[in-house]
PDB file of N, CA and C in Angstrom:
ATOM      1  N   UNK A   1      30.942 -23.286  11.824  1.00  0.00           N
ATOM      2  CA  UNK A   1      29.790 -23.475  12.653  1.00  0.00           C
ATOM      3  C   UNK A   1      29.124 -24.795  12.254  1.00  0.00           C
ATOM      4  N   UNK A   2      28.833 -25.609  13.229  1.00  0.00           N
ATOM      5  CA  UNK A   2      28.231 -26.916  12.985  1.00  0.00           C
ATOM      6  C   UNK A   2      26.709 -26.782  12.982  1.00  0.00           C
ATOM      7  N   UNK A   3      26.164 -26.455  11.832  1.00  0.00           N
ATOM      8  CA  UNK A   3      24.732 -26.199  11.727  1.00  0.00           C
ATOM      9  C   UNK A   3      23.906 -27.437  12.052  1.00  0.00           C
ATOM     10  N   UNK A   4      24.384 -28.602  11.661  1.00  0.00           N
ATOM     11  CA  UNK A   4      23.643 -29.836  11.958  1.00  0.00           C
ATOM     12  C   UNK A   4      23.531 -30.049  13.464  1.00  0.00           C
ATOM     13  N   UNK A   5      24.592 -29.769  14.189  1.00  0.00           N
ATOM     14  CA  UNK A   5      24.576 -29.934  15.647  1.00  0.00           C
ATOM     15  C   UNK A   5      23.671 -28.892  16.311  1.00  0.00           C
ATOM     16  N   UNK A   6      23.681 -27.684  15.785  1.00  0.00           N
ATOM     17  CA  UNK A   6      22.788 -26.646  16.311  1.00  0.00           C
ATOM     18  C   UNK A   6      21.335 -27.082  16.138  1.00  0.00           C
ATOM     19  N   UNK A   7      20.985 -27.579  14.965  1.00  0.00           N
ATOM     20  CA  UNK A   7      19.618 -28.026  14.709  1.00  0.00           C
ATOM     21  C   UNK A   7      19.251 -29.231  15.568  1.00  0.00           C
ATOM     22  N   UNK A   8      20.190 -30.164  15.735  1.00  0.00           N
ATOM     23  CA  UNK A   8      19.932 -31.352  16.561  1.00  0.00           C
ATOM     24  C   UNK A   8      19.671 -30.952  18.008  1.00  0.00           C
ATOM     25  N   UNK A   9      20.496 -30.053  18.519  1.00  0.00           N
ATOM     26  CA  UNK A   9      20.353 -29.604  19.898  1.00  0.00           C
ATOM     27  C   UNK A   9      19.046 -28.849  20.091  1.00  0.00           C
ATOM     28  N   UNK A  10      18.684 -27.992  19.153  1.00  0.00           N
ATOM     29  CA  UNK A  10      17.417 -27.260  19.245  1.00  0.00           C
ATOM     30  C   UNK A  10      16.240 -28.229  19.256  1.00  0.00           C
ATOM     31  N   UNK A  11      16.316 -29.269  18.440  1.00  0.00           N
ATOM     32  CA  UNK A  11      15.250 -30.269  18.392  1.00  0.00           C
ATOM     33  C   UNK A  11      15.170 -31.026  19.712  1.00  0.00           C
ATOM     34  N   UNK A  12      16.318 -31.409  20.256  1.00  0.00           N
ATOM     35  CA  UNK A  12      16.344 -32.157  21.519  1.00  0.00           C
ATOM     36  C   UNK A  12      15.799 -31.332  22.679  1.00  0.00           C
ATOM     37  N   UNK A  13      16.111 -30.050  22.700  1.00  0.00           N
ATOM     38  CA  UNK A  13      15.737 -29.195  23.837  1.00  0.00           C
ATOM     39  C   UNK A  13      14.357 -28.561  23.674  1.00  0.00           C
ATOM     40  N   UNK A  14      14.010 -28.167  22.464  1.00  0.00           N
ATOM     41  CA  UNK A  14      12.732 -27.516  22.222  1.00  0.00           C
ATOM     42  C   UNK A  14      12.724 -26.032  22.537  1.00  0.00           C
ATOM     43  N   UNK A  15      13.699 -25.594  23.307  1.00  0.00           N
ATOM     44  CA  UNK A  15      13.835 -24.172  23.655  1.00  0.00           C
ATOM     45  C   UNK A  15      15.283 -23.780  23.464  1.00  0.00           C
ATOM     46  N   UNK A  16      15.508 -22.558  22.975  1.00  0.00           N
ATOM     47  CA  UNK A  16      16.871 -22.115  22.697  1.00  0.00           C
ATOM     48  C   UNK A  16      17.080 -20.712  23.248  1.00  0.00           C
ATOM     49  N   UNK A  17      18.165 -20.553  23.985  1.00  0.00           N
ATOM     50  CA  UNK A  17      18.623 -19.245  24.431  1.00  0.00           C
ATOM     51  C   UNK A  17      20.045 -19.087  23.926  1.00  0.00           C
ATOM     52  N   UNK A  18      20.268 -18.092  23.087  1.00  0.00           N
ATOM     53  CA  UNK A  18      21.595 -17.821  22.549  1.00  0.00           C
ATOM     54  C   UNK A  18      22.172 -16.639  23.315  1.00  0.00           C
ATOM     55  N   UNK A  19      23.323 -16.846  23.945  1.00  0.00           N
ATOM     56  CA  UNK A  19      23.980 -15.798  24.722  1.00  0.00           C
ATOM     57  C   UNK A  19      25.332 -15.506  24.083  1.00  0.00           C
ATOM     58  N   UNK A  20      25.580 -14.230  23.801  1.00  0.00           N
ATOM     59  CA  UNK A  20      26.853 -13.837  23.215  1.00  0.00           C
ATOM     60  C   UNK A  20      27.183 -12.403  23.601  1.00  0.00           C
ATOM     61  N   UNK A  21      28.455 -12.095  23.616  1.00  0.00           N
ATOM     62  CA  UNK A  21      28.884 -10.723  23.882  1.00  0.00           C
ATOM     63  C   UNK A  21      28.886  -9.880  22.615  1.00  0.00           C
ATOM     64  N   UNK A  22      28.571 -10.486  21.479  1.00  0.00           N
ATOM     65  CA  UNK A  22      28.391  -9.727  20.234  1.00  0.00           C
ATOM     66  C   UNK A  22      27.095  -8.941  20.308  1.00  0.00           C
ATOM     67  N   UNK A  23      26.986  -7.926  19.455  1.00  0.00           N
ATOM     68  CA  UNK A  23      25.690  -7.291  19.250  1.00  0.00           C
ATOM     69  C   UNK A  23      24.831  -8.251  18.449  1.00  0.00           C
ATOM     70  N   UNK A  24      23.527  -8.079  18.523  1.00  0.00           N
ATOM     71  CA  UNK A  24      22.645  -8.977  17.775  1.00  0.00           C
ATOM     72  C   UNK A  24      22.864  -8.826  16.277  1.00  0.00           C
ATOM     73  N   UNK A  25      22.834  -7.581  15.781  1.00  0.00           N
ATOM     74  CA  UNK A  25      22.971  -7.340  14.337  1.00  0.00           C
ATOM     75  C   UNK A  25      24.396  -7.641  13.906  1.00  0.00           C
ATOM     76  N   UNK A  26      24.524  -8.614  13.018  1.00  0.00           N
ATOM     77  CA  UNK A  26      25.832  -8.984  12.509  1.00  0.00           C
ATOM     78  C   UNK A  26      26.604  -9.902  13.421  1.00  0.00           C
ATOM     79  N   UNK A  27      26.000 -10.367  14.494  1.00  0.00           N
ATOM     80  CA  UNK A  27      26.696 -11.212  15.449  1.00  0.00           C
ATOM     81  C   UNK A  27      26.300 -12.673  15.333  1.00  0.00           C
ATOM     82  N   UNK A  28      26.871 -13.476  16.205  1.00  0.00           N
ATOM     83  CA  UNK A  28      26.629 -14.914  16.202  1.00  0.00           C
ATOM     84  C   UNK A  28      25.190 -15.251  16.552  1.00  0.00           C
ATOM     85  N   UNK A  29      24.565 -14.484  17.443  1.00  0.00           N
ATOM     86  CA  UNK A  29      23.192 -14.784  17.859  1.00  0.00           C
ATOM     87  C   UNK A  29      22.232 -14.739  16.678  1.00  0.00           C
ATOM     88  N   UNK A  30      22.376 -13.752  15.842  1.00  0.00           N
ATOM     89  CA  UNK A  30      21.500 -13.634  14.671  1.00  0.00           C
ATOM     90  C   UNK A  30      21.716 -14.804  13.719  1.00  0.00           C
ATOM     91  N   UNK A  31      22.964 -15.187  13.541  1.00  0.00           N
ATOM     92  CA  UNK A  31      23.279 -16.298  12.641  1.00  0.00           C
ATOM     93  C   UNK A  31      22.725 -17.608  13.179  1.00  0.00           C
ATOM     94  N   UNK A  32      22.946 -17.871  14.460  1.00  0.00           N
ATOM     95  CA  UNK A  32      22.450 -19.115  15.057  1.00  0.00           C
ATOM     96  C   UNK A  32      20.923 -19.142  15.031  1.00  0.00           C
ATOM     97  N   UNK A  33      20.287 -18.034  15.361  1.00  0.00           N
ATOM     98  CA  UNK A  33      18.827 -17.955  15.310  1.00  0.00           C
ATOM     99  C   UNK A  33      18.316 -18.231  13.902  1.00  0.00           C
ATOM    100  N   UNK A  34      19.001 -17.693  12.918  1.00  0.00           N
ATOM    101  CA  UNK A  34      18.604 -17.892  11.526  1.00  0.00           C
ATOM    102  C   UNK A  34      18.754 -19.349  11.097  1.00  0.00           C
ATOM    103  N   UNK A  35      19.822 -19.994  11.547  1.00  0.00           N
ATOM    104  CA  UNK A  35      20.023 -21.417  11.229  1.00  0.00           C
ATOM    105  C   UNK A  35      18.842 -22.230  11.755  1.00  0.00           C
ATOM    106  N   UNK A  36      18.407 -21.924  12.968  1.00  0.00           N
ATOM    107  CA  UNK A  36      17.334 -22.694  13.596  1.00  0.00           C
ATOM    108  C   UNK A  36      15.984 -22.383  12.968  1.00  0.00           C
ATOM    109  N   UNK A  37      15.668 -21.117  12.797  1.00  0.00           N
ATOM    110  CA  UNK A  37      14.330 -20.739  12.339  1.00  0.00           C
ATOM    111  C   UNK A  37      14.191 -20.706  10.824  1.00  0.00           C
ATOM    112  N   UNK A  38      15.306 -20.738  10.111  1.00  0.00           N
ATOM    113  CA  UNK A  38      15.257 -20.633   8.664  1.00  0.00           C
ATOM    114  C   UNK A  38      14.972 -21.933   7.958  1.00  0.00           C
ATOM    115  N   UNK A  39      14.928 -23.023   8.682  1.00  0.00           N
ATOM    116  CA  UNK A  39      14.695 -24.319   8.057  1.00  0.00           C
ATOM    117  C   UNK A  39      13.703 -25.133   8.860  1.00  0.00           C
ATOM    118  N   UNK A  40      13.919 -26.428   8.862  1.00  0.00           N
ATOM    119  CA  UNK A  40      13.008 -27.335   9.549  1.00  0.00           C
ATOM    120  C   UNK A  40      13.087 -27.224  11.068  1.00  0.00           C
ATOM    121  N   UNK A  41      14.121 -26.590  11.600  1.00  0.00           N
ATOM    122  CA  UNK A  41      14.275 -26.465  13.044  1.00  0.00           C
ATOM    123  C   UNK A  41      13.163 -25.692  13.704  1.00  0.00           C
ATOM    124  N   UNK A  42      12.532 -24.809  12.966  1.00  0.00           N
ATOM    125  CA  UNK A  42      11.448 -24.000  13.514  1.00  0.00           C
ATOM    126  C   UNK A  42      10.314 -24.869  14.034  1.00  0.00           C
ATOM    127  N   UNK A  43      10.024 -25.961  13.367  1.00  0.00           N
ATOM    128  CA  UNK A  43       8.891 -26.806  13.726  1.00  0.00           C
ATOM    129  C   UNK A  43       9.165 -27.659  14.968  1.00  0.00           C
ATOM    130  N   UNK A  44      10.431 -27.739  15.380  1.00  0.00           N
ATOM    131  CA  UNK A  44      10.793 -28.518  16.561  1.00  0.00           C
ATOM    132  C   UNK A  44      10.788 -27.685  17.835  1.00  0.00           C
ATOM    133  N   UNK A  45      10.574 -26.394  17.716  1.00  0.00           N
ATOM    134  CA  UNK A  45      10.654 -25.513  18.879  1.00  0.00           C
ATOM    135  C   UNK A  45       9.326 -25.443  19.627  1.00  0.00           C
ATOM    136  N   UNK A  46       9.435 -25.358  20.955  1.00  0.00           N
ATOM    137  CA  UNK A  46       8.261 -25.164  21.812  1.00  0.00           C
ATOM    138  C   UNK A  46       8.109 -23.699  22.199  1.00  0.00           C
ATOM    139  N   UNK A  47       9.109 -22.888  21.877  1.00  0.00           N
ATOM    140  CA  UNK A  47       9.119 -21.472  22.233  1.00  0.00           C
ATOM    141  C   UNK A  47       9.949 -20.725  21.198  1.00  0.00           C
ATOM    142  N   UNK A  48       9.780 -19.420  21.108  1.00  0.00           N
ATOM    143  CA  UNK A  48      10.628 -18.644  20.197  1.00  0.00           C
ATOM    144  C   UNK A  48      12.087 -18.690  20.647  1.00  0.00           C
ATOM    145  N   UNK A  49      12.998 -18.558  19.716  1.00  0.00           N
ATOM    146  CA  UNK A  49      14.417 -18.463  20.058  1.00  0.00           C
ATOM    147  C   UNK A  49      14.628 -17.120  20.755  1.00  0.00           C
ATOM    148  N   UNK A  50      15.231 -17.149  21.935  1.00  0.00           N
ATOM    149  CA  UNK A  50      15.538 -15.918  22.674  1.00  0.00           C
ATOM    150  C   UNK A  50      17.030 -15.654  22.569  1.00  0.00           C
ATOM    151  N   UNK A  51      17.382 -14.398  22.599  1.00  0.00           N
ATOM    152  CA  UNK A  51      18.798 -14.027  22.567  1.00  0.00           C
ATOM    153  C   UNK A  51      19.099 -13.045  23.692  1.00  0.00           C
ATOM    154  N   UNK A  52      20.294 -13.164  24.237  1.00  0.00           N
ATOM    155  CA  UNK A  52      20.818 -12.185  25.181  1.00  0.00           C
ATOM    156  C   UNK A  52      22.160 -11.761  24.600  1.00  0.00           C
ATOM    157  N   UNK A  53      22.243 -10.502  24.192  1.00  0.00           N
ATOM    158  CA  UNK A  53      23.435 -10.001  23.513  1.00  0.00           C
ATOM    159  C   UNK A  53      23.875  -8.681  24.133  1.00  0.00           C
ATOM    160  N   UNK A  54      24.999  -8.187  23.653  1.00  0.00           N
ATOM    161  CA  UNK A  54      25.430  -6.845  24.055  1.00  0.00           C
ATOM    162  C   UNK A  54      24.409  -5.841  23.528  1.00  0.00           C
ATOM    163  N   UNK A  55      24.345  -4.682  24.179  1.00  0.00           N
ATOM    164  CA  UNK A  55      23.421  -3.668  23.680  1.00  0.00           C
ATOM    165  C   UNK A  55      23.857  -3.246  22.281  1.00  0.00           C
ATOM    166  N   UNK A  56      22.918  -2.806  21.501  1.00  0.00           N
ATOM    167  CA  UNK A  56      23.206  -2.459  20.114  1.00  0.00           C
ATOM    168  C   UNK A  56      23.715  -1.021  20.035  1.00  0.00           C
ATOM    169  N   UNK A  57      24.866  -0.806  20.632  1.00  0.00           N
ATOM    170  CA  UNK A  57      25.495   0.511  20.654  1.00  0.00           C
ATOM    171  C   UNK A  57      26.996   0.310  20.809  1.00  0.00           C
ATOM    172  N   UNK A  58      27.702   1.376  20.706  1.00  0.00           N
ATOM    173  CA  UNK A  58      29.149   1.313  20.889  1.00  0.00           C
ATOM    174  C   UNK A  58      29.446   0.873  22.325  1.00  0.00           C
ATOM    175  N   UNK A  59      30.276  -0.142  22.497  1.00  0.00           N
ATOM    176  CA  UNK A  59      30.561  -0.695  23.817  1.00  0.00           C
ATOM    177  C   UNK A  59      31.552   0.202  24.543  1.00  0.00           C
ATOM    178  N   UNK A  60      31.209   0.541  25.777  1.00  0.00           N
ATOM    179  CA  UNK A  60      32.090   1.362  26.604  1.00  0.00           C
ATOM    180  C   UNK A  60      33.230   0.513  27.148  1.00  0.00           C
ATOM    181  N   UNK A  61      34.318   1.157  27.524  1.00  0.00           N
ATOM    182  CA  UNK A  61      35.478   0.445  28.035  1.00  0.00           C
ATOM    183  C   UNK A  61      35.447   0.391  29.548  1.00  0.00           C
ATOM    184  N   UNK A  62      36.138  -0.591  30.102  1.00  0.00           N
ATOM    185  CA  UNK A  62      36.277  -0.705  31.549  1.00  0.00           C
ATOM    186  C   UNK A  62      35.176  -1.540  32.164  1.00  0.00           C
ATOM    187  N   UNK A  63      35.297  -1.780  33.457  1.00  0.00           N
ATOM    188  CA  UNK A  63      34.346  -2.624  34.174  1.00  0.00           C
ATOM    189  C   UNK A  63      32.937  -2.032  34.128  1.00  0.00           C
ATOM    190  N   UNK A  64      32.825  -0.734  34.327  1.00  0.00           N
ATOM    191  CA  UNK A  64      31.503  -0.104  34.277  1.00  0.00           C
ATOM    192  C   UNK A  64      30.868  -0.259  32.902  1.00  0.00           C
ATOM    193  N   UNK A  65      31.671  -0.100  31.865  1.00  0.00           N
ATOM    194  CA  UNK A  65      31.168  -0.257  30.505  1.00  0.00           C
ATOM    195  C   UNK A  65      30.726  -1.673  30.222  1.00  0.00           C
ATOM    196  N   UNK A  66      31.511  -2.648  30.686  1.00  0.00           N
ATOM    197  CA  UNK A  66      31.134  -4.048  30.507  1.00  0.00           C
ATOM    198  C   UNK A  66      29.798  -4.334  31.186  1.00  0.00           C
ATOM    199  N   UNK A  67      29.631  -3.863  32.403  1.00  0.00           N
ATOM    200  CA  UNK A  67      28.390  -4.111  33.144  1.00  0.00           C
ATOM    201  C   UNK A  67      27.194  -3.466  32.464  1.00  0.00           C
ATOM    202  N   UNK A  68      27.392  -2.328  31.837  1.00  0.00           N
ATOM    203  CA  UNK A  68      26.293  -1.621  31.188  1.00  0.00           C
ATOM    204  C   UNK A  68      25.956  -2.207  29.820  1.00  0.00           C
ATOM    205  N   UNK A  69      26.943  -2.745  29.126  1.00  0.00           N
ATOM    206  CA  UNK A  69      26.757  -3.113  27.722  1.00  0.00           C
ATOM    207  C   UNK A  69      26.615  -4.613  27.463  1.00  0.00           C
ATOM    208  N   UNK A  70      27.324  -5.422  28.239  1.00  0.00           N
ATOM    209  CA  UNK A  70      27.382  -6.852  27.948  1.00  0.00           C
ATOM    210  C   UNK A  70      26.322  -7.630  28.714  1.00  0.00           C
ATOM    211  N   UNK A  71      26.010  -8.854  28.272  1.00  0.00           N
ATOM    212  CA  UNK A  71      25.052  -9.677  29.009  1.00  0.00           C
ATOM    213  C   UNK A  71      25.536  -9.905  30.444  1.00  0.00           C
ATOM    214  N   UNK A  72      24.607  -9.857  31.371  1.00  0.00           N
ATOM    215  CA  UNK A  72      24.925 -10.100  32.775  1.00  0.00           C
ATOM    216  C   UNK A  72      24.226 -11.376  33.224  1.00  0.00           C
ATOM    217  N   UNK A  73      24.653 -11.869  34.355  1.00  0.00           N
ATOM    218  CA  UNK A  73      24.013 -13.065  34.917  1.00  0.00           C
ATOM    219  C   UNK A  73      22.524 -12.805  35.108  1.00  0.00           C
ATOM    220  N   UNK A  74      22.189 -11.621  35.582  1.00  0.00           N
ATOM    221  CA  UNK A  74      20.788 -11.292  35.818  1.00  0.00           C
ATOM    222  C   UNK A  74      19.965 -11.337  34.526  1.00  0.00           C
ATOM    223  N   UNK A  75      20.516 -10.793  33.444  1.00  0.00           N
ATOM    224  CA  UNK A  75      19.807 -10.812  32.161  1.00  0.00           C
ATOM    225  C   UNK A  75      19.638 -12.235  31.635  1.00  0.00           C
ATOM    226  N   UNK A  76      20.675 -13.051  31.810  1.00  0.00           N
ATOM    227  CA  UNK A  76      20.624 -14.441  31.344  1.00  0.00           C
ATOM    228  C   UNK A  76      19.592 -15.223  32.148  1.00  0.00           C
ATOM    229  N   UNK A  77      19.616 -15.082  33.469  1.00  0.00           N
ATOM    230  CA  UNK A  77      18.658 -15.786  34.330  1.00  0.00           C
ATOM    231  C   UNK A  77      17.233 -15.348  34.005  1.00  0.00           C
ATOM    232  N   UNK A  78      17.011 -14.061  33.787  1.00  0.00           N
ATOM    233  CA  UNK A  78      15.677 -13.559  33.438  1.00  0.00           C
ATOM    234  C   UNK A  78      15.192 -14.178  32.127  1.00  0.00           C
ATOM    235  N   UNK A  79      16.071 -14.313  31.151  1.00  0.00           N
ATOM    236  CA  UNK A  79      15.688 -14.906  29.861  1.00  0.00           C
ATOM    237  C   UNK A  79      15.355 -16.390  30.026  1.00  0.00           C
ATOM    238  N   UNK A  80      16.138 -17.091  30.843  1.00  0.00           N
ATOM    239  CA  UNK A  80      15.866 -18.513  31.101  1.00  0.00           C
ATOM    240  C   UNK A  80      14.521 -18.667  31.807  1.00  0.00           C
ATOM    241  N   UNK A  81      14.271 -17.835  32.809  1.00  0.00           N
ATOM    242  CA  UNK A  81      12.997 -17.906  33.521  1.00  0.00           C
ATOM    243  C   UNK A  81      11.831 -17.599  32.595  1.00  0.00           C
ATOM    244  N   UNK A  82      12.003 -16.646  31.697  1.00  0.00           N
ATOM    245  CA  UNK A  82      10.954 -16.335  30.732  1.00  0.00           C
ATOM    246  C   UNK A  82      10.659 -17.533  29.838  1.00  0.00           C
ATOM    247  N   UNK A  83      11.690 -18.174  29.326  1.00  0.00           N
ATOM    248  CA  UNK A  83      11.502 -19.354  28.491  1.00  0.00           C
ATOM    249  C   UNK A  83      10.806 -20.474  29.271  1.00  0.00           C
ATOM    250  N   UNK A  84      11.187 -20.654  30.513  1.00  0.00           N
ATOM    251  CA  UNK A  84      10.635 -21.735  31.327  1.00  0.00           C
ATOM    252  C   UNK A  84       9.189 -21.445  31.747  1.00  0.00           C
ATOM    253  N   UNK A  85       8.934 -20.233  32.176  1.00  0.00           N
ATOM    254  CA  UNK A  85       7.633 -19.912  32.759  1.00  0.00           C
ATOM    255  C   UNK A  85       6.555 -19.567  31.741  1.00  0.00           C
ATOM    256  N   UNK A  86       6.940 -19.052  30.588  1.00  0.00           N
ATOM    257  CA  UNK A  86       5.943 -18.547  29.643  1.00  0.00           C
ATOM    258  C   UNK A  86       5.715 -19.444  28.429  1.00  0.00           C
ATOM    259  N   UNK A  87       6.475 -20.517  28.317  1.00  0.00           N
ATOM    260  CA  UNK A  87       6.282 -21.375  27.132  1.00  0.00           C
ATOM    261  C   UNK A  87       6.200 -22.816  27.530  1.00  0.00           C
TER     262      UNK A  87
END
């Protein structure tokens, strides 16, 4: 993981949305969020780091399970709108 690039990008953008099909706990989103907020990157942010991840439960199989458990376009768009409109 290129932590320097993550910090540079967070500084350039000021807002961060991390999207992953992992669960938050033990997944990439938690690690990336920690890289940004655990050091000097926190002071460059204009908004809290938001994450859109799989639900924190056992993932169901099949198309229905994916739709219920994994990030959807609607969830991602809602998170982007929240970052844009509220910060």
